[in-house]
C-alpha atoms as a PDB file:
ATOM      1  CA  MET A   1      97.212  65.816  98.993  1.00  0.00           C
ATOM      2  CA  ASN A   2      95.046  64.941 101.975  1.00  0.00           C
ATOM      3  CA  ARG A   3      93.140  68.194 103.053  1.00  0.00           C
ATOM      4  CA  THR A   4      94.068  67.727 106.610  1.00  0.00           C
ATOM      5  CA  ILE A   5      97.647  67.429 105.993  1.00  0.00           C
ATOM      6  CA  LEU A   6      97.574  70.584 103.800  1.00  0.00           C
ATOM      7  CA  VAL A   7      95.840  72.583 106.425  1.00  0.00           C
ATOM      8  CA  CYS A   8      98.343  71.426 108.921  1.00  0.00           C
ATOM      9  CA  LEU A   9     101.200  72.310 106.784  1.00  0.00           C
ATOM     10  CA  THR A  10      99.743  75.786 106.169  1.00  0.00           C
ATOM     11  CA  LEU A  11      99.598  76.348 109.813  1.00  0.00           C
ATOM     12  CA  VAL A  12     103.097  75.299 110.235  1.00  0.00           C
ATOM     13  CA  THR A  13     104.449  77.720 107.625  1.00  0.00           C
ATOM     14  CA  ILE A  14     102.534  80.572 108.994  1.00  0.00           C
ATOM     15  CA  ALA A  15     103.959  80.045 112.642  1.00  0.00           C
ATOM     16  CA  PHE A  16     107.500  79.833 111.236  1.00  0.00           C
ATOM     17  CA  PHE A  17     107.220  82.947 109.394  1.00  0.00           C
ATOM     18  CA  ALA A  18     105.488  84.749 112.100  1.00  0.00           C
ATOM     19  CA  GLY A  19     108.262  83.942 114.449  1.00  0.00           C
ATOM     20  CA  CYS A  20     111.082  85.182 111.883  1.00  0.00           C
ATOM     21  CA  ALA A  21     109.313  88.520 111.432  1.00  0.00           C
ATOM     22  CA  HIS A  22     109.921  89.332 115.191  1.00  0.00           C
ATOM     23  CA  GLN A  23     113.848  88.556 115.118  1.00  0.00           C
ATOM     24  CA  THR A  24     114.977  91.926 114.103  1.00  0.00           C
ATOM     25  CA  PRO A  25     117.902  93.376 116.270  1.00  0.00           C
ATOM     26  CA  PRO A  26     117.000  96.095 118.937  1.00  0.00           C
ATOM     27  CA  ALA A  27     117.772  99.677 118.126  1.00  0.00           C
ATOM     28  CA  GLU A  28     120.822 100.943 119.703  1.00  0.00           C
ATOM     29  CA  PRO A  29     120.575 104.132 121.692  1.00  0.00           C
ATOM     30  CA  THR A  30     122.329 107.386 120.587  1.00  0.00           C
ATOM     31  CA  SER A  31     124.424 109.353 122.983  1.00  0.00           C
ATOM     32  CA  GLY A  32     122.488 110.424 125.987  1.00  0.00           C
ATOM     33  CA  SER A  33     119.565 108.111 125.657  1.00  0.00           C
ATOM     34  CA  SER A  34     118.868 104.737 127.536  1.00  0.00           C
ATOM     35  CA  PRO A  35     117.484 101.621 125.942  1.00  0.00           C
ATOM     36  CA  SER A  36     114.140 100.523 127.260  1.00  0.00           C
ATOM     37  CA  ALA A  37     114.888  97.211 128.546  1.00  0.00           C
ATOM     38  CA  THR A  38     111.201  96.200 129.123  1.00  0.00           C
ATOM     39  CA  PRO A  39     108.115  97.737 127.601  1.00  0.00           C
ATOM     40  CA  LYS A  40     106.231  99.678 130.446  1.00  0.00           C
ATOM     41  CA  ALA A  41     102.635  98.801 130.940  1.00  0.00           C
ATOM     42  CA  ALA A  42     100.203 101.248 129.577  1.00  0.00           C
ATOM     43  CA  ALA A  43      99.387 104.061 132.025  1.00  0.00           C
ATOM     44  CA  PRO A  44      95.799 104.934 133.046  1.00  0.00           C
ATOM     45  CA  SER A  45      94.406 107.602 130.646  1.00  0.00           C
ATOM     46  CA  THR A  46      94.910 111.082 131.715  1.00  0.00           C
ATOM     47  CA  GLY A  47      92.243 112.399 129.355  1.00  0.00           C
ATOM     48  CA  LEU A  48      94.993 114.499 127.540  1.00  0.00           C
ATOM     49  CA  SER A  49      94.966 114.505 123.711  1.00  0.00           C
ATOM     50  CA  ILE A  50      98.161 115.300 121.829  1.00  0.00           C
ATOM     51  CA  ALA A  51      98.138 115.756 118.156  1.00  0.00           C
ATOM     52  CA  MET A  52     101.653 115.141 116.335  1.00  0.00           C
ATOM     53  CA  VAL A  53     101.984 116.270 112.670  1.00  0.00           C
ATOM     54  CA  PRO A  54     105.142 115.245 110.655  1.00  0.00           C
ATOM     55  CA  LYS A  55     106.160 116.917 107.528  1.00  0.00           C
ATOM     56  CA  ILE A  56     105.407 113.850 105.515  1.00  0.00           C
ATOM     57  CA  GLN A  57     103.680 110.507 106.416  1.00  0.00           C
ATOM     58  CA  GLY A  58     104.805 107.151 105.488  1.00  0.00           C
ATOM     59  CA  ILE A  59     108.681 107.598 105.234  1.00  0.00           C
ATOM     60  CA  ASP A  60     111.203 105.628 107.466  1.00  0.00           C
ATOM     61  CA  TYR A  61     112.348 108.692 109.393  1.00  0.00           C
ATOM     62  CA  PHE A  62     108.923 109.816 110.490  1.00  0.00           C
ATOM     63  CA  ASN A  63     107.725 106.089 110.993  1.00  0.00           C
ATOM     64  CA  ALA A  64     110.558 105.954 113.548  1.00  0.00           C
ATOM     65  CA  CYS A  65     109.416 109.106 115.328  1.00  0.00           C
ATOM     66  CA  GLN A  66     105.877 107.853 115.296  1.00  0.00           C
ATOM     67  CA  LYS A  67     107.130 104.622 116.995  1.00  0.00           C
ATOM     68  CA  GLY A  68     108.763 106.565 119.825  1.00  0.00           C
ATOM     69  CA  ALA A  69     105.914 108.881 120.252  1.00  0.00           C
ATOM     70  CA  GLU A  70     103.396 105.875 120.595  1.00  0.00           C
ATOM     71  CA  GLU A  71     105.879 104.447 123.171  1.00  0.00           C
ATOM     72  CA  ALA A  72     105.647 107.526 125.220  1.00  0.00           C
ATOM     73  CA  ALA A  73     101.843 108.053 124.819  1.00  0.00           C
ATOM     74  CA  LYS A  74     101.288 104.594 126.248  1.00  0.00           C
ATOM     75  CA  GLU A  75     103.691 105.125 129.213  1.00  0.00           C
ATOM     76  CA  LEU A  76     102.005 108.584 129.911  1.00  0.00           C
ATOM     77  CA  GLY A  77      98.429 107.666 129.462  1.00  0.00           C
ATOM     78  CA  VAL A  78      97.633 110.413 126.658  1.00  0.00           C
ATOM     79  CA  ASP A  79      95.693 109.934 123.617  1.00  0.00           C
ATOM     80  CA  LEU A  80      98.114 110.354 120.578  1.00  0.00           C
ATOM     81  CA  ASP A  81      96.598 111.659 117.322  1.00  0.00           C
ATOM     82  CA  TYR A  82      99.433 111.145 114.814  1.00  0.00           C
ATOM     83  CA  SER A  83      98.574 112.176 111.280  1.00  0.00           C
ATOM     84  CA  GLY A  84     100.795 113.969 108.563  1.00  0.00           C
ATOM     85  CA  PRO A  85     100.324 114.984 104.961  1.00  0.00           C
ATOM     86  CA  THR A  86     101.102 112.529 102.076  1.00  0.00           C
ATOM     87  CA  ASP A  87     102.916 115.319 100.140  1.00  0.00           C
ATOM     88  CA  ASN A  88     105.671 117.893 101.102  1.00  0.00           C
ATOM     89  CA  LYS A  89     103.225 120.856 101.361  1.00  0.00           C
ATOM     90  CA  VAL A  90     102.769 123.107 104.267  1.00  0.00           C
ATOM     91  CA  GLU A  91      99.043 123.733 103.184  1.00  0.00           C
ATOM     92  CA  SER A  92      98.276 120.007 103.905  1.00  0.00           C
ATOM     93  CA  GLN A  93      99.773 120.432 107.313  1.00  0.00           C
ATOM     94  CA  ILE A  94      97.746 123.484 107.964  1.00  0.00           C
ATOM     95  CA  GLU A  95      94.621 121.619 107.069  1.00  0.00           C
ATOM     96  CA  ILE A  96      95.483 118.922 109.514  1.00  0.00           C
ATOM     97  CA  ILE A  97      96.278 121.444 112.337  1.00  0.00           C
ATOM     98  CA  ASP A  98      93.106 123.360 111.661  1.00  0.00           C
ATOM     99  CA  SER A  99      91.039 120.189 112.076  1.00  0.00           C
ATOM    100  CA  ARG A 100      92.843 119.326 115.426  1.00  0.00           C
ATOM    101  CA  ILE A 101      91.981 122.846 116.646  1.00  0.00           C
ATOM    102  CA  THR A 102      88.252 122.286 116.063  1.00  0.00           C
ATOM    103  CA  ARG A 103      88.504 119.063 117.985  1.00  0.00           C
ATOM    104  CA  GLY A 104      89.973 120.729 120.929  1.00  0.00           C
ATOM    105  CA  VAL A 105      93.400 118.776 121.429  1.00  0.00           C
ATOM    106  CA  LYS A 106      95.264 119.728 124.461  1.00  0.00           C
ATOM    107  CA  ALA A 107      98.607 120.070 122.606  1.00  0.00           C
ATOM    108  CA  ILE A 108      99.965 119.964 119.068  1.00  0.00           C
ATOM    109  CA  ALA A 109     103.507 118.905 117.931  1.00  0.00           C
ATOM    110  CA  VAL A 110     104.560 119.598 114.484  1.00  0.00           C
ATOM    111  CA  SER A 111     107.557 119.558 112.212  1.00  0.00           C
ATOM    112  CA  PRO A 112     106.879 122.503 109.891  1.00  0.00           C
ATOM    113  CA  ASN A 113     107.417 122.163 106.171  1.00  0.00           C
ATOM    114  CA  ASP A 114     107.758 126.112 105.942  1.00  0.00           C
ATOM    115  CA  PRO A 115     108.278 127.867 109.235  1.00  0.00           C
ATOM    116  CA  VAL A 116     106.531 131.122 108.028  1.00  0.00           C
ATOM    117  CA  ALA A 117     103.666 129.952 106.308  1.00  0.00           C
ATOM    118  CA  ILE A 118     102.512 127.602 109.232  1.00  0.00           C
ATOM    119  CA  ALA A 119     103.163 130.267 111.930  1.00  0.00           C
ATOM    120  CA  PRO A 120      99.627 132.000 111.829  1.00  0.00           C
ATOM    121  CA  THR A 121      97.838 128.553 112.318  1.00  0.00           C
ATOM    122  CA  LEU A 122      99.881 127.621 115.329  1.00  0.00           C
ATOM    123  CA  ARG A 123      99.438 131.132 116.857  1.00  0.00           C
ATOM    124  CA  LYS A 124      95.444 130.479 116.251  1.00  0.00           C
ATOM    125  CA  ALA A 125      95.900 127.249 118.167  1.00  0.00           C
ATOM    126  CA  ARG A 126      97.703 128.944 121.098  1.00  0.00           C
ATOM    127  CA  ASP A 127      94.966 131.629 121.036  1.00  0.00           C
ATOM    128  CA  LYS A 128      92.507 128.790 121.759  1.00  0.00           C
ATOM    129  CA  GLY A 129      94.341 127.619 124.711  1.00  0.00           C
ATOM    130  CA  ILE A 130      96.259 124.750 122.899  1.00  0.00           C
ATOM    131  CA  HIS A 131      99.766 124.164 123.678  1.00  0.00           C
ATOM    132  CA  VAL A 132     102.144 124.198 120.621  1.00  0.00           C
ATOM    133  CA  ILE A 133     105.541 122.680 120.306  1.00  0.00           C
ATOM    134  CA  THR A 134     107.689 121.943 117.126  1.00  0.00           C
ATOM    135  CA  PHE A 135     109.990 119.040 116.635  1.00  0.00           C
ATOM    136  CA  ASP A 136     112.498 118.089 114.033  1.00  0.00           C
ATOM    137  CA  ALA A 137     112.110 121.472 112.364  1.00  0.00           C
ATOM    138  CA  ASP A 138     111.122 124.804 113.853  1.00  0.00           C
ATOM    139  CA  ALA A 139     108.566 127.596 113.113  1.00  0.00           C
ATOM    140  CA  GLU A 140     108.629 131.149 113.971  1.00  0.00           C
ATOM    141  CA  LYS A 141     109.450 131.401 117.750  1.00  0.00           C
ATOM    142  CA  ASN A 142     106.316 133.378 118.808  1.00  0.00           C
ATOM    143  CA  SER A 143     104.101 130.585 117.337  1.00  0.00           C
ATOM    144  CA  ARG A 144     105.263 127.948 119.518  1.00  0.00           C
ATOM    145  CA  GLU A 145     106.351 127.331 123.276  1.00  0.00           C
ATOM    146  CA  PHE A 146     109.283 124.839 122.798  1.00  0.00           C
ATOM    147  CA  PHE A 147     111.330 123.344 119.954  1.00  0.00           C
ATOM    148  CA  VAL A 148     112.321 119.662 120.489  1.00  0.00           C
ATOM    149  CA  ASP A 149     115.698 119.653 118.536  1.00  0.00           C
ATOM    150  CA  GLN A 150     117.298 116.375 117.502  1.00  0.00           C
ATOM    151  CA  ALA A 151     120.671 118.009 117.707  1.00  0.00           C
ATOM    152  CA  THR A 152     122.050 121.505 117.483  1.00  0.00           C
ATOM    153  CA  PRO A 153     122.190 122.699 114.076  1.00  0.00           C
ATOM    154  CA  GLN A 154     125.719 123.597 114.545  1.00  0.00           C
ATOM    155  CA  SER A 155     126.666 119.961 115.530  1.00  0.00           C
ATOM    156  CA  VAL A 156     124.631 118.648 112.520  1.00  0.00           C
ATOM    157  CA  GLY A 157     126.430 121.059 109.971  1.00  0.00           C
ATOM    158  CA  TYR A 158     129.822 120.479 111.233  1.00  0.00           C
ATOM    159  CA  THR A 159     129.610 116.680 111.451  1.00  0.00           C
ATOM    160  CA  LEU A 160     128.480 116.546 107.756  1.00  0.00           C
ATOM    161  CA  VAL A 161     131.268 118.864 106.615  1.00  0.00           C
ATOM    162  CA  ASP A 162     133.893 117.121 108.780  1.00  0.00           C
ATOM    163  CA  GLU A 163     132.811 113.725 107.569  1.00  0.00           C
ATOM    164  CA  MET A 164     132.990 114.896 103.822  1.00  0.00           C
ATOM    165  CA  ALA A 165     136.401 116.232 104.266  1.00  0.00           C
ATOM    166  CA  THR A 166     137.667 112.996 105.923  1.00  0.00           C
ATOM    167  CA  GLN A 167     136.253 111.150 102.935  1.00  0.00           C
ATOM    168  CA  VAL A 168     137.338 113.129  99.895  1.00  0.00           C
ATOM    169  CA  GLY A 169     139.788 115.768 101.252  1.00  0.00           C
ATOM    170  CA  ALA A 170     139.732 119.391 102.384  1.00  0.00           C
ATOM    171  CA  ASP A 171     139.711 120.887  98.929  1.00  0.00           C
ATOM    172  CA  ALA A 172     136.982 118.776  97.257  1.00  0.00           C
ATOM    173  CA  PRO A 173     134.399 120.219  95.057  1.00  0.00           C
ATOM    174  CA  VAL A 174     130.839 119.201  96.433  1.00  0.00           C
ATOM    175  CA  ALA A 175     127.137 119.751  95.925  1.00  0.00           C
ATOM    176  CA  ILE A 176     124.305 119.810  98.293  1.00  0.00           C
ATOM    177  CA  VAL A 177     120.835 118.304  97.703  1.00  0.00           C
ATOM    178  CA  THR A 178     118.315 119.373 100.391  1.00  0.00           C
ATOM    179  CA  GLY A 179     114.619 118.825 100.719  1.00  0.00           C
ATOM    180  CA  SER A 180     112.932 122.126 100.469  1.00  0.00           C
ATOM    181  CA  LEU A 181     114.347 125.601 100.300  1.00  0.00           C
ATOM    182  CA  THR A 182     111.921 126.671 102.915  1.00  0.00           C
ATOM    183  CA  ALA A 183     112.636 123.971 105.503  1.00  0.00           C
ATOM    184  CA  ALA A 184     113.928 125.713 108.496  1.00  0.00           C
ATOM    185  CA  ASN A 185     116.072 122.966 109.858  1.00  0.00           C
ATOM    186  CA  GLN A 186     117.784 122.221 106.564  1.00  0.00           C
ATOM    187  CA  ASN A 187     118.553 125.743 106.002  1.00  0.00           C
ATOM    188  CA  GLU A 188     120.242 126.097 109.547  1.00  0.00           C
ATOM    189  CA  TRP A 189     122.171 123.022 108.848  1.00  0.00           C
ATOM    190  CA  ILE A 190     123.272 124.533 105.647  1.00  0.00           C
ATOM    191  CA  LYS A 191     124.228 127.768 107.255  1.00  0.00           C
ATOM    192  CA  PHE A 192     126.594 125.904 109.703  1.00  0.00           C
ATOM    193  CA  MET A 193     127.953 123.755 106.866  1.00  0.00           C
ATOM    194  CA  LYS A 194     128.917 126.805 105.054  1.00  0.00           C
ATOM    195  CA  GLU A 195     130.483 128.232 108.270  1.00  0.00           C
ATOM    196  CA  ARG A 196     132.553 125.316 108.783  1.00  0.00           C
ATOM    197  CA  ILE A 197     133.853 125.072 105.324  1.00  0.00           C
ATOM    198  CA  ALA A 198     134.825 128.614 105.450  1.00  0.00           C
ATOM    199  CA  ALA A 199     136.530 128.430 108.819  1.00  0.00           C
ATOM    200  CA  LYS A 200     138.094 125.078 108.467  1.00  0.00           C
ATOM    201  CA  TYR A 201     138.197 123.971 104.796  1.00  0.00           C
ATOM    202  CA  PRO A 202     138.415 127.179 102.861  1.00  0.00           C
ATOM    203  CA  LYS A 203     139.239 125.277  99.604  1.00  0.00           C
ATOM    204  CA  MET A 204     136.130 123.164  99.618  1.00  0.00           C
ATOM    205  CA  LYS A 205     133.860 124.611  97.109  1.00  0.00           C
ATOM    206  CA  ILE A 206     130.088 124.191  96.883  1.00  0.00           C
ATOM    207  CA  LEU A 207     129.184 123.893  93.336  1.00  0.00           C
ATOM    208  CA  ALA A 208     125.494 123.961  93.579  1.00  0.00           C
ATOM    209  CA  LEU A 209     122.544 123.777  96.080  1.00  0.00           C
ATOM    210  CA  LYS A 210     119.494 121.779  94.825  1.00  0.00           C
ATOM    211  CA  PRO A 211     116.036 121.035  96.340  1.00  0.00           C
ATOM    212  CA  SER A 212     114.669 117.600  96.133  1.00  0.00           C
ATOM    213  CA  GLU A 213     111.165 118.437  97.449  1.00  0.00           C
ATOM    214  CA  GLU A 214     111.155 115.280  99.919  1.00  0.00           C
ATOM    215  CA  ASP A 215     110.905 113.019  96.799  1.00  0.00           C
ATOM    216  CA  GLN A 216     113.461 110.286  96.383  1.00  0.00           C
ATOM    217  CA  GLN A 217     112.934 110.279  92.630  1.00  0.00           C
ATOM    218  CA  VAL A 218     113.569 114.049  92.213  1.00  0.00           C
ATOM    219  CA  ALA A 219     116.765 113.499  94.485  1.00  0.00           C
ATOM    220  CA  PHE A 220     117.909 110.755  92.112  1.00  0.00           C
ATOM    221  CA  THR A 221     117.244 112.926  89.123  1.00  0.00           C
ATOM    222  CA  VAL A 222     118.879 116.071  90.684  1.00  0.00           C
ATOM    223  CA  THR A 223     122.025 113.982  91.630  1.00  0.00           C
ATOM    224  CA  GLN A 224     122.301 112.712  88.120  1.00  0.00           C
ATOM    225  CA  ASP A 225     122.288 115.956  86.661  1.00  0.00           C
ATOM    226  CA  LEU A 226     124.963 117.232  89.042  1.00  0.00           C
ATOM    227  CA  LEU A 227     127.154 114.292  88.065  1.00  0.00           C
ATOM    228  CA  LYS A 228     126.772 115.363  84.541  1.00  0.00           C
ATOM    229  CA  ALA A 229     127.130 119.179  85.051  1.00  0.00           C
ATOM    230  CA  TYR A 230     130.196 118.918  87.157  1.00  0.00           C
ATOM    231  CA  PRO A 231     132.395 116.081  86.060  1.00  0.00           C
ATOM    232  CA  SER A 232     135.038 117.009  88.739  1.00  0.00           C
ATOM    233  CA  ILE A 233     132.656 116.763  91.672  1.00  0.00           C
ATOM    234  CA  LYS A 234     134.008 114.672  94.449  1.00  0.00           C
ATOM    235  CA  GLY A 235     131.016 114.846  96.999  1.00  0.00           C
ATOM    236  CA  ILE A 236     127.276 115.107  97.406  1.00  0.00           C
ATOM    237  CA  PHE A 237     125.659 116.273 100.546  1.00  0.00           C
ATOM    238  CA  ALA A 238     122.037 114.944 100.831  1.00  0.00           C
ATOM    239  CA  ILE A 239     120.732 116.293 103.970  1.00  0.00           C
ATOM    240  CA  THR A 240     117.314 114.489 104.154  1.00  0.00           C
ATOM    241  CA  SER A 241     116.115 110.991 104.849  1.00  0.00           C
ATOM    242  CA  VAL A 242     114.514 110.960 101.384  1.00  0.00           C
ATOM    243  CA  ALA A 243     117.244 112.989  99.478  1.00  0.00           C
ATOM    244  CA  PHE A 244     119.892 110.710 100.846  1.00  0.00           C
ATOM    245  CA  PRO A 245     118.857 107.311  99.199  1.00  0.00           C
ATOM    246  CA  GLY A 246     118.011 109.103  96.120  1.00  0.00           C
ATOM    247  CA  ALA A 247     121.325 110.662  95.919  1.00  0.00           C
ATOM    248  CA  ALA A 248     123.080 107.419  96.705  1.00  0.00           C
ATOM    249  CA  ASP A 249     121.282 105.484  94.223  1.00  0.00           C
ATOM    250  CA  ALA A 250     122.058 107.975  91.445  1.00  0.00           C
ATOM    251  CA  VAL A 251     125.857 107.907  92.318  1.00  0.00           C
ATOM    252  CA  GLU A 252     125.722 103.948  92.370  1.00  0.00           C
ATOM    253  CA  GLN A 253     123.871 103.568  89.154  1.00  0.00           C
ATOM    254  CA  SER A 254     126.302 106.171  87.455  1.00  0.00           C
ATOM    255  CA  GLY A 255     129.182 103.739  88.234  1.00  0.00           C
ATOM    256  CA  LYS A 256     130.832 106.419  90.655  1.00  0.00           C
ATOM    257  CA  GLY A 257     130.089 104.695  93.865  1.00  0.00           C
ATOM    258  CA  GLY A 258     133.500 104.935  95.852  1.00  0.00           C
ATOM    259  CA  LYS A 259     134.602 107.664  93.638  1.00  0.00           C
ATOM    260  CA  VAL A 260     131.881 110.261  94.634  1.00  0.00           C
ATOM    261  CA  ALA A 261     131.160 110.349  98.247  1.00  0.00           C
ATOM    262  CA  VAL A 262     127.690 110.717  99.267  1.00  0.00           C
ATOM    263  CA  VAL A 263     127.303 112.050 103.040  1.00  0.00           C
ATOM    264  CA  GLY A 264     124.052 112.859 104.454  1.00  0.00           C
ATOM    265  CA  LEU A 265     121.231 112.398 107.033  1.00  0.00           C
ATOM    266  CA  SER A 266     118.733 109.463 106.729  1.00  0.00           C
ATOM    267  CA  THR A 267     117.781 106.518 108.583  1.00  0.00           C
ATOM    268  CA  PRO A 268     119.922 103.507 108.987  1.00  0.00           C
ATOM    269  CA  LYS A 269     117.299 101.131 107.647  1.00  0.00           C
ATOM    270  CA  GLY A 270     116.809 103.281 104.688  1.00  0.00           C
ATOM    271  CA  MET A 271     120.676 103.438 103.783  1.00  0.00           C
ATOM    272  CA  LYS A 272     121.586  99.917 104.649  1.00  0.00           C
ATOM    273  CA  SER A 273     121.987  98.688 101.119  1.00  0.00           C
ATOM    274  CA  TRP A 274     124.176 101.560 100.071  1.00  0.00           C
ATOM    275  CA  VAL A 275     126.366 101.129 103.189  1.00  0.00           C
ATOM    276  CA  LYS A 276     126.610  97.575 102.492  1.00  0.00           C
ATOM    277  CA  SER A 277     127.800  98.066  98.781  1.00  0.00           C
ATOM    278  CA  GLY A 278     130.251 100.682  99.827  1.00  0.00           C
ATOM    279  CA  THR A 279     128.700 103.654  97.984  1.00  0.00           C
ATOM    280  CA  VAL A 280     128.024 105.315 101.448  1.00  0.00           C
ATOM    281  CA  LYS A 281     130.676 105.116 104.233  1.00  0.00           C
ATOM    282  CA  THR A 282     128.791 107.007 106.922  1.00  0.00           C
ATOM    283  CA  VAL A 283     125.296 107.869 107.664  1.00  0.00           C
ATOM    284  CA  VAL A 284     124.718 110.962 109.935  1.00  0.00           C
ATOM    285  CA  LEU A 285     121.611 111.065 112.096  1.00  0.00           C
ATOM    286  CA  TRP A 286     120.261 110.534 115.575  1.00  0.00           C
ATOM    287  CA  ASN A 287     117.815 107.904 117.213  1.00  0.00           C
ATOM    288  CA  ALA A 288     114.658 109.068 115.465  1.00  0.00           C
ATOM    289  CA  VAL A 289     112.588 106.742 118.007  1.00  0.00           C
ATOM    290  CA  ASP A 290     114.137 108.827 120.804  1.00  0.00           C
ATOM    291  CA  LEU A 291     113.143 112.118 119.092  1.00  0.00           C
ATOM    292  CA  GLY A 292     109.373 111.020 118.815  1.00  0.00           C
ATOM    293  CA  TYR A 293     109.471 109.837 122.436  1.00  0.00           C
ATOM    294  CA  LEU A 294     111.075 113.127 123.767  1.00  0.00           C
ATOM    295  CA  THR A 295     108.465 115.304 121.729  1.00  0.00           C
ATOM    296  CA  ILE A 296     105.552 113.480 123.452  1.00  0.00           C
ATOM    297  CA  GLN A 297     107.255 113.650 126.943  1.00  0.00           C
ATOM    298  CA  VAL A 298     107.723 117.364 126.363  1.00  0.00           C
ATOM    299  CA  ALA A 299     103.986 118.021 124.984  1.00  0.00           C
ATOM    300  CA  LYS A 300     102.616 116.018 128.058  1.00  0.00           C
ATOM    301  CA  ALA A 301     104.806 117.960 130.518  1.00  0.00           C
ATOM    302  CA  LEU A 302     103.600 121.289 128.972  1.00  0.00           C
ATOM    303  CA  ALA A 303     100.182 120.361 128.790  1.00  0.00           C
ATOM    304  CA  ASP A 304      99.957 119.340 132.531  1.00  0.00           C
ATOM    305  CA  GLY A 305     101.901 122.302 133.684  1.00  0.00           C
ATOM    306  CA  THR A 306     105.043 120.441 134.929  1.00  0.00           C
ATOM    307  CA  LEU A 307     107.187 122.242 132.141  1.00  0.00           C
ATOM    308  CA  LYS A 308     107.100 125.917 132.221  1.00  0.00           C
ATOM    309  CA  PRO A 309     109.098 128.840 130.490  1.00  0.00           C
ATOM    310  CA  GLY A 310     112.647 129.196 132.013  1.00  0.00           C
ATOM    311  CA  ALA A 311     112.997 125.430 132.787  1.00  0.00           C
ATOM    312  CA  THR A 312     116.666 124.202 132.132  1.00  0.00           C
ATOM    313  CA  GLU A 313     116.026 120.470 132.041  1.00  0.00           C
ATOM    314  CA  ILE A 314     113.359 118.070 131.834  1.00  0.00           C
ATOM    315  CA  THR A 315     113.008 114.345 132.939  1.00  0.00           C
ATOM    316  CA  ALA A 316     112.003 112.452 129.877  1.00  0.00           C
ATOM    317  CA  GLY A 317     111.153 108.782 131.075  1.00  0.00           C
ATOM    318  CA  ARG A 318     113.717 106.437 129.924  1.00  0.00           C
ATOM    319  CA  LEU A 319     115.860 109.047 128.439  1.00  0.00           C
ATOM    320  CA  GLY A 320     116.520 110.639 131.793  1.00  0.00           C
ATOM    321  CA  LYS A 321     117.261 114.286 132.213  1.00  0.00           C
ATOM    322  CA  ILE A 322     117.435 116.231 128.957  1.00  0.00           C
ATOM    323  CA  THR A 323     118.849 119.707 128.900  1.00  0.00           C
ATOM    324  CA  ILE A 324     116.738 122.690 127.559  1.00  0.00           C
ATOM    325  CA  HIS A 325     118.487 125.763 126.198  1.00  0.00           C
ATOM    326  CA  ALA A 326     116.163 128.640 126.456  1.00  0.00           C
ATOM    327  CA  ASP A 327     113.127 127.192 124.523  1.00  0.00           C
ATOM    328  CA  GLU A 328     114.941 124.397 122.886  1.00  0.00           C
ATOM    329  CA  VAL A 329     114.978 120.849 124.210  1.00  0.00           C
ATOM    330  CA  ILE A 330     118.016 119.075 122.741  1.00  0.00           C
ATOM    331  CA  LEU A 331     117.921 115.211 122.385  1.00  0.00           C
ATOM    332  CA  GLY A 332     121.811 115.049 122.012  1.00  0.00           C
ATOM    333  CA  PRO A 333     124.713 115.053 119.498  1.00  0.00           C
ATOM    334  CA  PRO A 334     124.703 113.372 115.972  1.00  0.00           C
ATOM    335  CA  PHE A 335     125.436 109.711 115.849  1.00  0.00           C
ATOM    336  CA  LYS A 336     127.307 108.021 112.860  1.00  0.00           C
ATOM    337  CA  PHE A 337     126.068 104.646 111.564  1.00  0.00           C
ATOM    338  CA  THR A 338     128.685 102.760 109.416  1.00  0.00           C
ATOM    339  CA  ALA A 339     129.010  99.123 108.147  1.00  0.00           C
ATOM    340  CA  ALA A 340     130.375  98.233 111.528  1.00  0.00           C
ATOM    341  CA  ASN A 341     127.177  99.098 113.503  1.00  0.00           C
ATOM    342  CA  ILE A 342     124.273  99.581 111.192  1.00  0.00           C
ATOM    343  CA  ASP A 343     122.904  96.061 111.668  1.00  0.00           C
ATOM    344  CA  LYS A 344     122.103  96.973 115.308  1.00  0.00           C
ATOM    345  CA  PHE A 345     119.501  99.463 114.290  1.00  0.00           C
ATOM    346  CA  ASP A 346     115.872  98.517 113.172  1.00  0.00           C
ATOM    347  CA  PHE A 347     114.591 101.984 112.150  1.00  0.00           C
END
């Protein structure tokens, strides 16, 4: 083939696929949030540096948080340092935070893997004059100033249990696959799940509670073991964005899709294939992009002194006014993703 023709064909092909890569549907906002119709121009730099440390780097959920954080940082003119561990270990988070303390960042936002173990390091940051907030999961209260909560733990726990009861009945035997036994947010959700079961579905029995250590393959294996150990099981709660796909895959591969319900928390993008196959009917979560966006809005307001203890609300960019309960900034209620709406979301 003539070399000139070959080059032209190659350029046309590249242009075609580059155009396709940008045709993803826009993320639909959760309740209480507003879509950003037109990206705002970057604000002049304020000189404020904010470090954001997720539980683990590279998974869909925290990638979505990072996207929202970067959006807010651009709007506010702050320097965002987003970095998390590649494993689910609090020791790795502590190393990252220590290095940011040395650099002298103005604020740190962290989603702790262990609320107790990380607390001394967060208090050290505060002693150095660095503002500290938590997001997604909390730490000991005296180690941070505000907690940016995706939804109240009660609303998450109640929503999960109500959805399971709707799918498999009020007296179904179930099990829970969590991330870590030390994760504060997951333990709070479980507390309210048990409270809801006791009050409204007393015949629903929790057969087992197993950790997956934020590893999808471990969640897969744990769920397989549960299906073998409890042949009568009717439902699996998988309450992290990594545990849920692992559990759903195990149920589907066991041939029990549609027979054993899998209800949990994850990103719509990460669960879409199991929703499409019918193994999963409902994915419970919130807009993780909005959570990251709100986290940086709160960190910036705290760092520049416009957010103070005792505040009852904060104006957070495109999200509008967000309610503050004591020292917790609440994004909003959980959202349900189903086959009817899941294609509208790109995180």
